[in-house]
Amino acid sequence: MRSVAAFCTVLLGMAVVCMMASKPADAMSCGDIDMNLSECMWYLAGRDGYPSTACCNGVRHLEKLGATTRDRRVACDCLRETVKRMHGISNSRVDSLPSKCSAKLSYVTYLDHCDGDMP
């Protein structure tokens, strides 16, 4: 009986490791986009003239998270959906956000075609 319990414990541990390996810890998610851009909403909606320091900190954090092409495509899709979902967000302000925050988010300029080549 103990050997069966030990075997099940090892099997469960291996399953957890496999699940963790399937999605790298640093992979971009829509939650990352929402969380890091939450402080930018006043700027994106045109209510503030410039993005806040907290907003720019989030934008620069997204720059670090977008290490792979896959991450940038996920971020692009998520950002596109966020822009569609949030009424009143100005596309020109979304486009200007990286430069206003001194960050390189190449996927911001690709929102119309997130599946294309992305630097």
PDB file of N, CA and C in Angstrom:
ATOM      1  N   MET A   1       0.818  -1.190   0.000  1.00  0.00           N
ATOM      2  CA  MET A   1       0.000   0.000   0.000  1.00  0.00           C
ATOM      3  C   MET A   1       0.865   1.259   0.000  1.00  0.00           C
ATOM      4  N   ARG A   2       1.962   1.240   0.781  1.00  0.00           N
ATOM      5  CA  ARG A   2       2.847   2.395   0.832  1.00  0.00           C
ATOM      6  C   ARG A   2       3.518   2.638  -0.515  1.00  0.00           C
ATOM      7  N   SER A   3       3.838   1.559  -1.208  1.00  0.00           N
ATOM      8  CA  SER A   3       4.493   1.726  -2.508  1.00  0.00           C
ATOM      9  C   SER A   3       3.533   2.342  -3.525  1.00  0.00           C
ATOM     10  N   VAL A   4       2.251   2.024  -3.429  1.00  0.00           N
ATOM     11  CA  VAL A   4       1.253   2.618  -4.318  1.00  0.00           C
ATOM     12  C   VAL A   4       1.123   4.112  -4.012  1.00  0.00           C
ATOM     13  N   ALA A   5       1.094   4.477  -2.736  1.00  0.00           N
ATOM     14  CA  ALA A   5       0.990   5.892  -2.336  1.00  0.00           C
ATOM     15  C   ALA A   5       2.235   6.650  -2.788  1.00  0.00           C
ATOM     16  N   ALA A   6       3.405   6.039  -2.627  1.00  0.00           N
ATOM     17  CA  ALA A   6       4.648   6.686  -3.047  1.00  0.00           C
ATOM     18  C   ALA A   6       4.658   6.860  -4.563  1.00  0.00           C
ATOM     19  N   PHE A   7       4.211   5.842  -5.290  1.00  0.00           N
ATOM     20  CA  PHE A   7       4.155   5.929  -6.748  1.00  0.00           C
ATOM     21  C   PHE A   7       3.212   7.049  -7.186  1.00  0.00           C
ATOM     22  N   CYS A   8       2.041   7.155  -6.545  1.00  0.00           N
ATOM     23  CA  CYS A   8       1.071   8.202  -6.880  1.00  0.00           C
ATOM     24  C   CYS A   8       1.637   9.587  -6.583  1.00  0.00           C
ATOM     25  N   THR A   9       2.377   9.704  -5.486  1.00  0.00           N
ATOM     26  CA  THR A   9       2.989  10.982  -5.130  1.00  0.00           C
ATOM     27  C   THR A   9       4.022  11.392  -6.175  1.00  0.00           C
ATOM     28  N   VAL A  10       4.845  10.452  -6.594  1.00  0.00           N
ATOM     29  CA  VAL A  10       5.853  10.734  -7.620  1.00  0.00           C
ATOM     30  C   VAL A  10       5.182  11.093  -8.939  1.00  0.00           C
ATOM     31  N   LEU A  11       4.140  10.362  -9.299  1.00  0.00           N
ATOM     32  CA  LEU A  11       3.411  10.624 -10.534  1.00  0.00           C
ATOM     33  C   LEU A  11       2.764  12.011 -10.511  1.00  0.00           C
ATOM     34  N   LEU A  12       2.168  12.368  -9.393  1.00  0.00           N
ATOM     35  CA  LEU A  12       1.568  13.694  -9.247  1.00  0.00           C
ATOM     36  C   LEU A  12       2.631  14.783  -9.345  1.00  0.00           C
ATOM     37  N   GLY A  13       3.761  14.562  -8.715  1.00  0.00           N
ATOM     38  CA  GLY A  13       4.865  15.529  -8.792  1.00  0.00           C
ATOM     39  C   GLY A  13       5.350  15.713 -10.217  1.00  0.00           C
ATOM     40  N   MET A  14       5.451  14.626 -10.960  1.00  0.00           N
ATOM     41  CA  MET A  14       5.879  14.719 -12.363  1.00  0.00           C
ATOM     42  C   MET A  14       4.847  15.476 -13.195  1.00  0.00           C
ATOM     43  N   ALA A  15       3.568  15.263 -12.921  1.00  0.00           N
ATOM     44  CA  ALA A  15       2.517  15.967 -13.655  1.00  0.00           C
ATOM     45  C   ALA A  15       2.594  17.465 -13.398  1.00  0.00           C
ATOM     46  N   VAL A  16       2.846  17.854 -12.160  1.00  0.00           N
ATOM     47  CA  VAL A  16       2.973  19.276 -11.817  1.00  0.00           C
ATOM     48  C   VAL A  16       4.170  19.888 -12.535  1.00  0.00           C
ATOM     49  N   VAL A  17       5.280  19.189 -12.554  1.00  0.00           N
ATOM     50  CA  VAL A  17       6.475  19.687 -13.248  1.00  0.00           C
ATOM     51  C   VAL A  17       6.190  19.848 -14.738  1.00  0.00           C
ATOM     52  N   CYS A  18       5.505  18.895 -15.340  1.00  0.00           N
ATOM     53  CA  CYS A  18       5.174  18.990 -16.768  1.00  0.00           C
ATOM     54  C   CYS A  18       4.254  20.166 -17.044  1.00  0.00           C
ATOM     55  N   MET A  19       3.288  20.386 -16.162  1.00  0.00           N
ATOM     56  CA  MET A  19       2.377  21.511 -16.350  1.00  0.00           C
ATOM     57  C   MET A  19       3.124  22.828 -16.234  1.00  0.00           C
ATOM     58  N   MET A  20       4.047  22.916 -15.304  1.00  0.00           N
ATOM     59  CA  MET A  20       4.819  24.142 -15.132  1.00  0.00           C
ATOM     60  C   MET A  20       5.743  24.364 -16.321  1.00  0.00           C
ATOM     61  N   ALA A  21       6.268  23.300 -16.884  1.00  0.00           N
ATOM     62  CA  ALA A  21       7.174  23.420 -18.016  1.00  0.00           C
ATOM     63  C   ALA A  21       6.449  23.824 -19.286  1.00  0.00           C
ATOM     64  N   SER A  22       5.154  23.558 -19.366  1.00  0.00           N
ATOM     65  CA  SER A  22       4.422  23.868 -20.591  1.00  0.00           C
ATOM     66  C   SER A  22       4.219  25.365 -20.780  1.00  0.00           C
ATOM     67  N   LYS A  23       4.224  26.141 -19.715  1.00  0.00           N
ATOM     68  CA  LYS A  23       4.096  27.596 -19.819  1.00  0.00           C
ATOM     69  C   LYS A  23       5.213  28.204 -18.994  1.00  0.00           C
ATOM     70  N   PRO A  24       6.221  28.781 -19.649  1.00  0.00           N
ATOM     71  CA  PRO A  24       7.329  29.360 -18.905  1.00  0.00           C
ATOM     72  C   PRO A  24       6.830  30.429 -17.941  1.00  0.00           C
ATOM     73  N   ALA A  25       7.515  30.553 -16.821  1.00  0.00           N
ATOM     74  CA  ALA A  25       7.111  31.515 -15.795  1.00  0.00           C
ATOM     75  C   ALA A  25       7.114  32.945 -16.326  1.00  0.00           C
ATOM     76  N   ASP A  26       7.976  33.229 -17.282  1.00  0.00           N
ATOM     77  CA  ASP A  26       8.082  34.584 -17.800  1.00  0.00           C
ATOM     78  C   ASP A  26       7.184  34.847 -18.997  1.00  0.00           C
ATOM     79  N   ALA A  27       6.356  33.875 -19.398  1.00  0.00           N
ATOM     80  CA  ALA A  27       5.508  34.052 -20.571  1.00  0.00           C
ATOM     81  C   ALA A  27       4.493  35.166 -20.324  1.00  0.00           C
ATOM     82  N   MET A  28       4.252  35.938 -21.357  1.00  0.00           N
ATOM     83  CA  MET A  28       3.307  37.060 -21.299  1.00  0.00           C
ATOM     84  C   MET A  28       1.886  36.526 -21.244  1.00  0.00           C
ATOM     85  N   SER A  29       1.026  37.222 -20.516  1.00  0.00           N
ATOM     86  CA  SER A  29      -0.387  36.862 -20.447  1.00  0.00           C
ATOM     87  C   SER A  29      -1.232  38.131 -20.534  1.00  0.00           C
ATOM     88  N   CYS A  30      -2.513  37.962 -20.801  1.00  0.00           N
ATOM     89  CA  CYS A  30      -3.424  39.117 -20.830  1.00  0.00           C
ATOM     90  C   CYS A  30      -3.512  39.770 -19.461  1.00  0.00           C
ATOM     91  N   GLY A  31      -3.373  38.987 -18.423  1.00  0.00           N
ATOM     92  CA  GLY A  31      -3.350  39.549 -17.075  1.00  0.00           C
ATOM     93  C   GLY A  31      -2.192  40.510 -16.888  1.00  0.00           C
ATOM     94  N   ASP A  32      -1.041  40.186 -17.499  1.00  0.00           N
ATOM     95  CA  ASP A  32       0.116  41.092 -17.436  1.00  0.00           C
ATOM     96  C   ASP A  32      -0.194  42.420 -18.109  1.00  0.00           C
ATOM     97  N   ILE A  33      -0.848  42.350 -19.260  1.00  0.00           N
ATOM     98  CA  ILE A  33      -1.207  43.573 -19.987  1.00  0.00           C
ATOM     99  C   ILE A  33      -2.152  44.417 -19.146  1.00  0.00           C
ATOM    100  N   ASP A  34      -3.214  43.797 -18.645  1.00  0.00           N
ATOM    101  CA  ASP A  34      -4.194  44.531 -17.852  1.00  0.00           C
ATOM    102  C   ASP A  34      -3.569  45.140 -16.604  1.00  0.00           C
ATOM    103  N   MET A  35      -2.771  44.348 -15.899  1.00  0.00           N
ATOM    104  CA  MET A  35      -2.180  44.819 -14.651  1.00  0.00           C
ATOM    105  C   MET A  35      -1.196  45.963 -14.896  1.00  0.00           C
ATOM    106  N   ASN A  36      -0.349  45.813 -15.901  1.00  0.00           N
ATOM    107  CA  ASN A  36       0.687  46.805 -16.135  1.00  0.00           C
ATOM    108  C   ASN A  36       0.180  48.077 -16.802  1.00  0.00           C
ATOM    109  N   LEU A  37      -0.944  47.995 -17.467  1.00  0.00           N
ATOM    110  CA  LEU A  37      -1.494  49.192 -18.111  1.00  0.00           C
ATOM    111  C   LEU A  37      -2.649  49.818 -17.331  1.00  0.00           C
ATOM    112  N   SER A  38      -2.997  49.253 -16.194  1.00  0.00           N
ATOM    113  CA  SER A  38      -4.126  49.785 -15.425  1.00  0.00           C
ATOM    114  C   SER A  38      -3.911  51.240 -15.021  1.00  0.00           C
ATOM    115  N   GLU A  39      -2.690  51.626 -14.766  1.00  0.00           N
ATOM    116  CA  GLU A  39      -2.386  53.003 -14.371  1.00  0.00           C
ATOM    117  C   GLU A  39      -2.368  53.959 -15.566  1.00  0.00           C
ATOM    118  N   CYS A  40      -2.529  53.418 -16.762  1.00  0.00           N
ATOM    119  CA  CYS A  40      -2.471  54.241 -17.979  1.00  0.00           C
ATOM    120  C   CYS A  40      -3.847  54.666 -18.481  1.00  0.00           C
ATOM    121  N   MET A  41      -4.901  54.194 -17.865  1.00  0.00           N
ATOM    122  CA  MET A  41      -6.238  54.417 -18.412  1.00  0.00           C
ATOM    123  C   MET A  41      -6.609  55.888 -18.541  1.00  0.00           C
ATOM    124  N   TRP A  42      -6.234  56.712 -17.571  1.00  0.00           N
ATOM    125  CA  TRP A  42      -6.555  58.142 -17.662  1.00  0.00           C
ATOM    126  C   TRP A  42      -5.880  58.763 -18.873  1.00  0.00           C
ATOM    127  N   TYR A  43      -4.630  58.385 -19.112  1.00  0.00           N
ATOM    128  CA  TYR A  43      -3.923  58.907 -20.285  1.00  0.00           C
ATOM    129  C   TYR A  43      -4.548  58.369 -21.569  1.00  0.00           C
ATOM    130  N   LEU A  44      -4.794  57.069 -21.629  1.00  0.00           N
ATOM    131  CA  LEU A  44      -5.322  56.456 -22.846  1.00  0.00           C
ATOM    132  C   LEU A  44      -6.711  56.975 -23.204  1.00  0.00           C
ATOM    133  N   ALA A  45      -7.465  57.362 -22.201  1.00  0.00           N
ATOM    134  CA  ALA A  45      -8.811  57.897 -22.437  1.00  0.00           C
ATOM    135  C   ALA A  45      -8.792  59.400 -22.733  1.00  0.00           C
ATOM    136  N   GLY A  46      -7.611  60.019 -22.698  1.00  0.00           N
ATOM    137  CA  GLY A  46      -7.499  61.436 -23.015  1.00  0.00           C
ATOM    138  C   GLY A  46      -7.783  62.364 -21.848  1.00  0.00           C
ATOM    139  N   ARG A  47      -7.831  61.839 -20.651  1.00  0.00           N
ATOM    140  CA  ARG A  47      -8.125  62.673 -19.481  1.00  0.00           C
ATOM    141  C   ARG A  47      -6.862  63.256 -18.850  1.00  0.00           C
ATOM    142  N   ASP A  48      -5.713  62.667 -19.125  1.00  0.00           N
ATOM    143  CA  ASP A  48      -4.428  63.204 -18.674  1.00  0.00           C
ATOM    144  C   ASP A  48      -3.586  63.513 -19.903  1.00  0.00           C
ATOM    145  N   GLY A  49      -2.816  64.577 -19.828  1.00  0.00           N
ATOM    146  CA  GLY A  49      -1.981  64.974 -20.956  1.00  0.00           C
ATOM    147  C   GLY A  49      -0.765  64.080 -21.158  1.00  0.00           C
ATOM    148  N   TYR A  50      -0.275  63.491 -20.084  1.00  0.00           N
ATOM    149  CA  TYR A  50       0.902  62.632 -20.138  1.00  0.00           C
ATOM    150  C   TYR A  50       0.662  61.399 -19.280  1.00  0.00           C
ATOM    151  N   PRO A  51       1.293  60.283 -19.637  1.00  0.00           N
ATOM    152  CA  PRO A  51       1.159  59.088 -18.799  1.00  0.00           C
ATOM    153  C   PRO A  51       1.838  59.324 -17.443  1.00  0.00           C
ATOM    154  N   SER A  52       1.272  58.765 -16.395  1.00  0.00           N
ATOM    155  CA  SER A  52       1.842  58.903 -15.053  1.00  0.00           C
ATOM    156  C   SER A  52       3.115  58.078 -14.927  1.00  0.00           C
ATOM    157  N   THR A  53       3.854  58.328 -13.874  1.00  0.00           N
ATOM    158  CA  THR A  53       5.067  57.549 -13.595  1.00  0.00           C
ATOM    159  C   THR A  53       4.706  56.075 -13.414  1.00  0.00           C
ATOM    160  N   ALA A  54       3.623  55.813 -12.693  1.00  0.00           N
ATOM    161  CA  ALA A  54       3.195  54.420 -12.480  1.00  0.00           C
ATOM    162  C   ALA A  54       2.847  53.749 -13.804  1.00  0.00           C
ATOM    163  N   CYS A  55       2.195  54.494 -14.695  1.00  0.00           N
ATOM    164  CA  CYS A  55       1.867  53.969 -16.025  1.00  0.00           C
ATOM    165  C   CYS A  55       3.153  53.591 -16.762  1.00  0.00           C
ATOM    166  N   CYS A  56       4.098  54.500 -16.803  1.00  0.00           N
ATOM    167  CA  CYS A  56       5.355  54.243 -17.531  1.00  0.00           C
ATOM    168  C   CYS A  56       6.146  53.100 -16.905  1.00  0.00           C
ATOM    169  N   ASN A  57       6.085  52.963 -15.597  1.00  0.00           N
ATOM    170  CA  ASN A  57       6.741  51.812 -14.957  1.00  0.00           C
ATOM    171  C   ASN A  57       6.128  50.516 -15.458  1.00  0.00           C
ATOM    172  N   GLY A  58       4.807  50.489 -15.596  1.00  0.00           N
ATOM    173  CA  GLY A  58       4.136  49.301 -16.130  1.00  0.00           C
ATOM    174  C   GLY A  58       4.501  49.037 -17.576  1.00  0.00           C
ATOM    175  N   VAL A  59       4.576  50.090 -18.379  1.00  0.00           N
ATOM    176  CA  VAL A  59       4.949  49.947 -19.791  1.00  0.00           C
ATOM    177  C   VAL A  59       6.366  49.394 -19.901  1.00  0.00           C
ATOM    178  N   ARG A  60       7.281  49.907 -19.112  1.00  0.00           N
ATOM    179  CA  ARG A  60       8.667  49.410 -19.151  1.00  0.00           C
ATOM    180  C   ARG A  60       8.756  47.968 -18.651  1.00  0.00           C
ATOM    181  N   HIS A  61       7.893  47.601 -17.716  1.00  0.00           N
ATOM    182  CA  HIS A  61       7.860  46.212 -17.253  1.00  0.00           C
ATOM    183  C   HIS A  61       7.382  45.294 -18.383  1.00  0.00           C
ATOM    184  N   LEU A  62       6.385  45.738 -19.141  1.00  0.00           N
ATOM    185  CA  LEU A  62       5.917  44.947 -20.284  1.00  0.00           C
ATOM    186  C   LEU A  62       7.018  44.783 -21.318  1.00  0.00           C
ATOM    187  N   GLU A  63       7.836  45.810 -21.484  1.00  0.00           N
ATOM    188  CA  GLU A  63       8.958  45.715 -22.420  1.00  0.00           C
ATOM    189  C   GLU A  63       9.868  44.552 -22.020  1.00  0.00           C
ATOM    190  N   LYS A  64      10.122  44.408 -20.741  1.00  0.00           N
ATOM    191  CA  LYS A  64      10.976  43.320 -20.258  1.00  0.00           C
ATOM    192  C   LYS A  64      10.311  41.956 -20.432  1.00  0.00           C
ATOM    193  N   LEU A  65       8.990  41.902 -20.247  1.00  0.00           N
ATOM    194  CA  LEU A  65       8.273  40.630 -20.370  1.00  0.00           C
ATOM    195  C   LEU A  65       8.173  40.155 -21.819  1.00  0.00           C
ATOM    196  N   GLY A  66       8.188  41.070 -22.773  1.00  0.00           N
ATOM    197  CA  GLY A  66       8.015  40.705 -24.176  1.00  0.00           C
ATOM    198  C   GLY A  66       9.297  40.261 -24.846  1.00  0.00           C
ATOM    199  N   ALA A  67       9.920  39.246 -24.280  1.00  0.00           N
ATOM    200  CA  ALA A  67      11.237  38.816 -24.749  1.00  0.00           C
ATOM    201  C   ALA A  67      11.198  38.015 -26.055  1.00  0.00           C
ATOM    202  N   THR A  68      10.130  37.260 -26.267  1.00  0.00           N
ATOM    203  CA  THR A  68      10.071  36.400 -27.444  1.00  0.00           C
ATOM    204  C   THR A  68       8.989  36.885 -28.408  1.00  0.00           C
ATOM    205  N   THR A  69       9.057  36.421 -29.639  1.00  0.00           N
ATOM    206  CA  THR A  69       8.025  36.760 -30.622  1.00  0.00           C
ATOM    207  C   THR A  69       6.667  36.276 -30.133  1.00  0.00           C
ATOM    208  N   ARG A  70       6.621  35.102 -29.542  1.00  0.00           N
ATOM    209  CA  ARG A  70       5.359  34.573 -29.007  1.00  0.00           C
ATOM    210  C   ARG A  70       4.799  35.512 -27.945  1.00  0.00           C
ATOM    211  N   ASP A  71       5.644  35.978 -27.037  1.00  0.00           N
ATOM    212  CA  ASP A  71       5.203  36.909 -25.995  1.00  0.00           C
ATOM    213  C   ASP A  71       4.643  38.186 -26.604  1.00  0.00           C
ATOM    214  N   ARG A  72       5.321  38.702 -27.625  1.00  0.00           N
ATOM    215  CA  ARG A  72       4.876  39.944 -28.254  1.00  0.00           C
ATOM    216  C   ARG A  72       3.559  39.739 -28.996  1.00  0.00           C
ATOM    217  N   ARG A  73       3.357  38.576 -29.592  1.00  0.00           N
ATOM    218  CA  ARG A  73       2.077  38.295 -30.263  1.00  0.00           C
ATOM    219  C   ARG A  73       0.940  38.178 -29.248  1.00  0.00           C
ATOM    220  N   VAL A  74       1.203  37.496 -28.143  1.00  0.00           N
ATOM    221  CA  VAL A  74       0.197  37.396 -27.083  1.00  0.00           C
ATOM    222  C   VAL A  74      -0.136  38.789 -26.568  1.00  0.00           C
ATOM    223  N   ALA A  75       0.885  39.591 -26.316  1.00  0.00           N
ATOM    224  CA  ALA A  75       0.671  40.954 -25.821  1.00  0.00           C
ATOM    225  C   ALA A  75      -0.122  41.775 -26.822  1.00  0.00           C
ATOM    226  N   CYS A  76       0.191  41.637 -28.090  1.00  0.00           N
ATOM    227  CA  CYS A  76      -0.511  42.360 -29.147  1.00  0.00           C
ATOM    228  C   CYS A  76      -1.993  41.982 -29.156  1.00  0.00           C
ATOM    229  N   ASP A  77      -2.276  40.684 -29.130  1.00  0.00           N
ATOM    230  CA  ASP A  77      -3.675  40.215 -29.110  1.00  0.00           C
ATOM    231  C   ASP A  77      -4.411  40.738 -27.886  1.00  0.00           C
ATOM    232  N   CYS A  78      -3.763  40.661 -26.736  1.00  0.00           N
ATOM    233  CA  CYS A  78      -4.399  41.110 -25.490  1.00  0.00           C
ATOM    234  C   CYS A  78      -4.643  42.613 -25.514  1.00  0.00           C
ATOM    235  N   LEU A  79      -3.670  43.362 -25.978  1.00  0.00           N
ATOM    236  CA  LEU A  79      -3.825  44.813 -26.039  1.00  0.00           C
ATOM    237  C   LEU A  79      -4.921  45.202 -27.022  1.00  0.00           C
ATOM    238  N   ARG A  80      -4.974  44.505 -28.142  1.00  0.00           N
ATOM    239  CA  ARG A  80      -6.027  44.766 -29.128  1.00  0.00           C
ATOM    240  C   ARG A  80      -7.407  44.525 -28.507  1.00  0.00           C
ATOM    241  N   GLU A  81      -7.550  43.433 -27.772  1.00  0.00           N
ATOM    242  CA  GLU A  81      -8.825  43.129 -27.121  1.00  0.00           C
ATOM    243  C   GLU A  81      -9.153  44.147 -26.031  1.00  0.00           C
ATOM    244  N   THR A  82      -8.151  44.595 -25.304  1.00  0.00           N
ATOM    245  CA  THR A  82      -8.371  45.611 -24.268  1.00  0.00           C
ATOM    246  C   THR A  82      -8.869  46.906 -24.891  1.00  0.00           C
ATOM    247  N   VAL A  83      -8.256  47.300 -25.996  1.00  0.00           N
ATOM    248  CA  VAL A  83      -8.661  48.535 -26.680  1.00  0.00           C
ATOM    249  C   VAL A  83     -10.104  48.411 -27.169  1.00  0.00           C
ATOM    250  N   LYS A  84     -10.482  47.243 -27.695  1.00  0.00           N
ATOM    251  CA  LYS A  84     -11.858  47.032 -28.154  1.00  0.00           C
ATOM    252  C   LYS A  84     -12.847  47.072 -26.996  1.00  0.00           C
ATOM    253  N   ARG A  85     -12.453  46.492 -25.873  1.00  0.00           N
ATOM    254  CA  ARG A  85     -13.332  46.352 -24.713  1.00  0.00           C
ATOM    255  C   ARG A  85     -13.546  47.678 -23.976  1.00  0.00           C
ATOM    256  N   MET A  86     -12.529  48.515 -23.932  1.00  0.00           N
ATOM    257  CA  MET A  86     -12.597  49.763 -23.177  1.00  0.00           C
ATOM    258  C   MET A  86     -13.001  50.904 -24.094  1.00  0.00           C
ATOM    259  N   HIS A  87     -14.208  51.376 -23.947  1.00  0.00           N
ATOM    260  CA  HIS A  87     -14.698  52.474 -24.776  1.00  0.00           C
ATOM    261  C   HIS A  87     -13.992  53.763 -24.397  1.00  0.00           C
ATOM    262  N   GLY A  88     -13.707  54.570 -25.390  1.00  0.00           N
ATOM    263  CA  GLY A  88     -13.104  55.875 -25.141  1.00  0.00           C
ATOM    264  C   GLY A  88     -11.594  55.889 -25.179  1.00  0.00           C
ATOM    265  N   ILE A  89     -10.967  54.751 -25.441  1.00  0.00           N
ATOM    266  CA  ILE A  89      -9.507  54.733 -25.529  1.00  0.00           C
ATOM    267  C   ILE A  89      -9.104  55.215 -26.915  1.00  0.00           C
ATOM    268  N   SER A  90      -8.186  56.141 -26.932  1.00  0.00           N
ATOM    269  CA  SER A  90      -7.715  56.716 -28.182  1.00  0.00           C
ATOM    270  C   SER A  90      -6.584  55.867 -28.764  1.00  0.00           C
ATOM    271  N   ASN A  91      -6.768  55.401 -30.022  1.00  0.00           N
ATOM    272  CA  ASN A  91      -5.722  54.613 -30.675  1.00  0.00           C
ATOM    273  C   ASN A  91      -4.425  55.406 -30.811  1.00  0.00           C
ATOM    274  N   SER A  92      -4.522  56.698 -31.055  1.00  0.00           N
ATOM    275  CA  SER A  92      -3.296  57.490 -31.186  1.00  0.00           C
ATOM    276  C   SER A  92      -2.547  57.546 -29.855  1.00  0.00           C
ATOM    277  N   ARG A  93      -3.279  57.542 -28.757  1.00  0.00           N
ATOM    278  CA  ARG A  93      -2.617  57.530 -27.449  1.00  0.00           C
ATOM    279  C   ARG A  93      -1.991  56.161 -27.158  1.00  0.00           C
ATOM    280  N   VAL A  94      -2.632  55.110 -27.600  1.00  0.00           N
ATOM    281  CA  VAL A  94      -2.031  53.779 -27.454  1.00  0.00           C
ATOM    282  C   VAL A  94      -0.728  53.739 -28.242  1.00  0.00           C
ATOM    283  N   ASP A  95      -0.759  54.259 -29.467  1.00  0.00           N
ATOM    284  CA  ASP A  95       0.448  54.286 -30.306  1.00  0.00           C
ATOM    285  C   ASP A  95       1.568  55.114 -29.688  1.00  0.00           C
ATOM    286  N   SER A  96       1.214  56.195 -28.996  1.00  0.00           N
ATOM    287  CA  SER A  96       2.234  57.091 -28.451  1.00  0.00           C
ATOM    288  C   SER A  96       2.775  56.639 -27.095  1.00  0.00           C
ATOM    289  N   LEU A  97       2.106  55.713 -26.455  1.00  0.00           N
ATOM    290  CA  LEU A  97       2.480  55.307 -25.102  1.00  0.00           C
ATOM    291  C   LEU A  97       3.939  54.844 -24.973  1.00  0.00           C
ATOM    292  N   PRO A  98       4.432  53.968 -25.849  1.00  0.00           N
ATOM    293  CA  PRO A  98       5.826  53.538 -25.697  1.00  0.00           C
ATOM    294  C   PRO A  98       6.825  54.703 -25.772  1.00  0.00           C
ATOM    295  N   SER A  99       6.659  55.594 -26.731  1.00  0.00           N
ATOM    296  CA  SER A  99       7.625  56.690 -26.847  1.00  0.00           C
ATOM    297  C   SER A  99       7.510  57.657 -25.674  1.00  0.00           C
ATOM    298  N   LYS A 100       6.301  57.897 -25.191  1.00  0.00           N
ATOM    299  CA  LYS A 100       6.121  58.790 -24.036  1.00  0.00           C
ATOM    300  C   LYS A 100       6.762  58.198 -22.785  1.00  0.00           C
ATOM    301  N   CYS A 101       6.870  56.886 -22.729  1.00  0.00           N
ATOM    302  CA  CYS A 101       7.432  56.209 -21.558  1.00  0.00           C
ATOM    303  C   CYS A 101       8.859  55.707 -21.804  1.00  0.00           C
ATOM    304  N   SER A 102       9.458  56.092 -22.917  1.00  0.00           N
ATOM    305  CA  SER A 102      10.824  55.665 -23.264  1.00  0.00           C
ATOM    306  C   SER A 102      10.966  54.150 -23.224  1.00  0.00           C
ATOM    307  N   ALA A 103      10.033  53.475 -23.890  1.00  0.00           N
ATOM    308  CA  ALA A 103      10.050  52.009 -23.956  1.00  0.00           C
ATOM    309  C   ALA A 103       9.871  51.577 -25.403  1.00  0.00           C
ATOM    310  N   LYS A 104      10.318  50.373 -25.697  1.00  0.00           N
ATOM    311  CA  LYS A 104      10.139  49.804 -27.028  1.00  0.00           C
ATOM    312  C   LYS A 104       9.130  48.668 -26.939  1.00  0.00           C
ATOM    313  N   LEU A 105       7.918  48.964 -27.379  1.00  0.00           N
ATOM    314  CA  LEU A 105       6.867  47.947 -27.451  1.00  0.00           C
ATOM    315  C   LEU A 105       6.446  47.870 -28.911  1.00  0.00           C
ATOM    316  N   SER A 106       7.199  47.140 -29.697  1.00  0.00           N
ATOM    317  CA  SER A 106       6.957  47.095 -31.143  1.00  0.00           C
ATOM    318  C   SER A 106       5.552  46.620 -31.477  1.00  0.00           C
ATOM    319  N   TYR A 107       4.968  45.763 -30.654  1.00  0.00           N
ATOM    320  CA  TYR A 107       3.659  45.203 -30.971  1.00  0.00           C
ATOM    321  C   TYR A 107       2.540  46.235 -30.910  1.00  0.00           C
ATOM    322  N   VAL A 108       2.765  47.366 -30.286  1.00  0.00           N
ATOM    323  CA  VAL A 108       1.731  48.394 -30.223  1.00  0.00           C
ATOM    324  C   VAL A 108       1.390  48.892 -31.624  1.00  0.00           C
ATOM    325  N   THR A 109       2.358  48.953 -32.509  1.00  0.00           N
ATOM    326  CA  THR A 109       2.103  49.437 -33.867  1.00  0.00           C
ATOM    327  C   THR A 109       1.523  48.355 -34.774  1.00  0.00           C
ATOM    328  N   TYR A 110       1.406  47.129 -34.279  1.00  0.00           N
ATOM    329  CA  TYR A 110       0.910  46.009 -35.077  1.00  0.00           C
ATOM    330  C   TYR A 110      -0.484  45.559 -34.662  1.00  0.00           C
ATOM    331  N   LEU A 111      -1.232  46.356 -33.938  1.00  0.00           N
ATOM    332  CA  LEU A 111      -2.512  45.905 -33.383  1.00  0.00           C
ATOM    333  C   LEU A 111      -3.502  45.413 -34.431  1.00  0.00           C
ATOM    334  N   ASP A 112      -3.374  45.874 -35.667  1.00  0.00           N
ATOM    335  CA  ASP A 112      -4.289  45.422 -36.715  1.00  0.00           C
ATOM    336  C   ASP A 112      -3.924  44.060 -37.273  1.00  0.00           C
ATOM    337  N   HIS A 113      -2.694  43.635 -37.052  1.00  0.00           N
ATOM    338  CA  HIS A 113      -2.263  42.328 -37.568  1.00  0.00           C
ATOM    339  C   HIS A 113      -1.230  41.705 -36.646  1.00  0.00           C
ATOM    340  N   CYS A 114      -1.689  41.195 -35.541  1.00  0.00           N
ATOM    341  CA  CYS A 114      -0.807  40.636 -34.506  1.00  0.00           C
ATOM    342  C   CYS A 114      -0.122  39.333 -34.929  1.00  0.00           C
ATOM    343  N   ASP A 115      -0.642  38.677 -35.974  1.00  0.00           N
ATOM    344  CA  ASP A 115      -0.043  37.410 -36.409  1.00  0.00           C
ATOM    345  C   ASP A 115       1.129  37.599 -37.352  1.00  0.00           C
ATOM    346  N   GLY A 116       1.369  38.819 -37.817  1.00  0.00           N
ATOM    347  CA  GLY A 116       2.435  39.086 -38.779  1.00  0.00           C
ATOM    348  C   GLY A 116       3.810  39.056 -38.149  1.00  0.00           C
ATOM    349  N   ASP A 117       4.808  39.371 -38.954  1.00  0.00           N
ATOM    350  CA  ASP A 117       6.176  39.451 -38.443  1.00  0.00           C
ATOM    351  C   ASP A 117       6.254  40.577 -37.421  1.00  0.00           C
ATOM    352  N   MET A 118       6.928  40.311 -36.352  1.00  0.00           N
ATOM    353  CA  MET A 118       6.994  41.268 -35.274  1.00  0.00           C
ATOM    354  C   MET A 118       8.414  41.309 -34.719  1.00  0.00           C
ATOM    355  N   PRO A 119       9.041  42.467 -34.769  1.00  0.00           N
ATOM    356  CA  PRO A 119      10.426  42.564 -34.256  1.00  0.00           C
ATOM    357  C   PRO A 119      10.473  42.387 -32.753  1.00  0.00           C
TER     358      PRO A 119
END
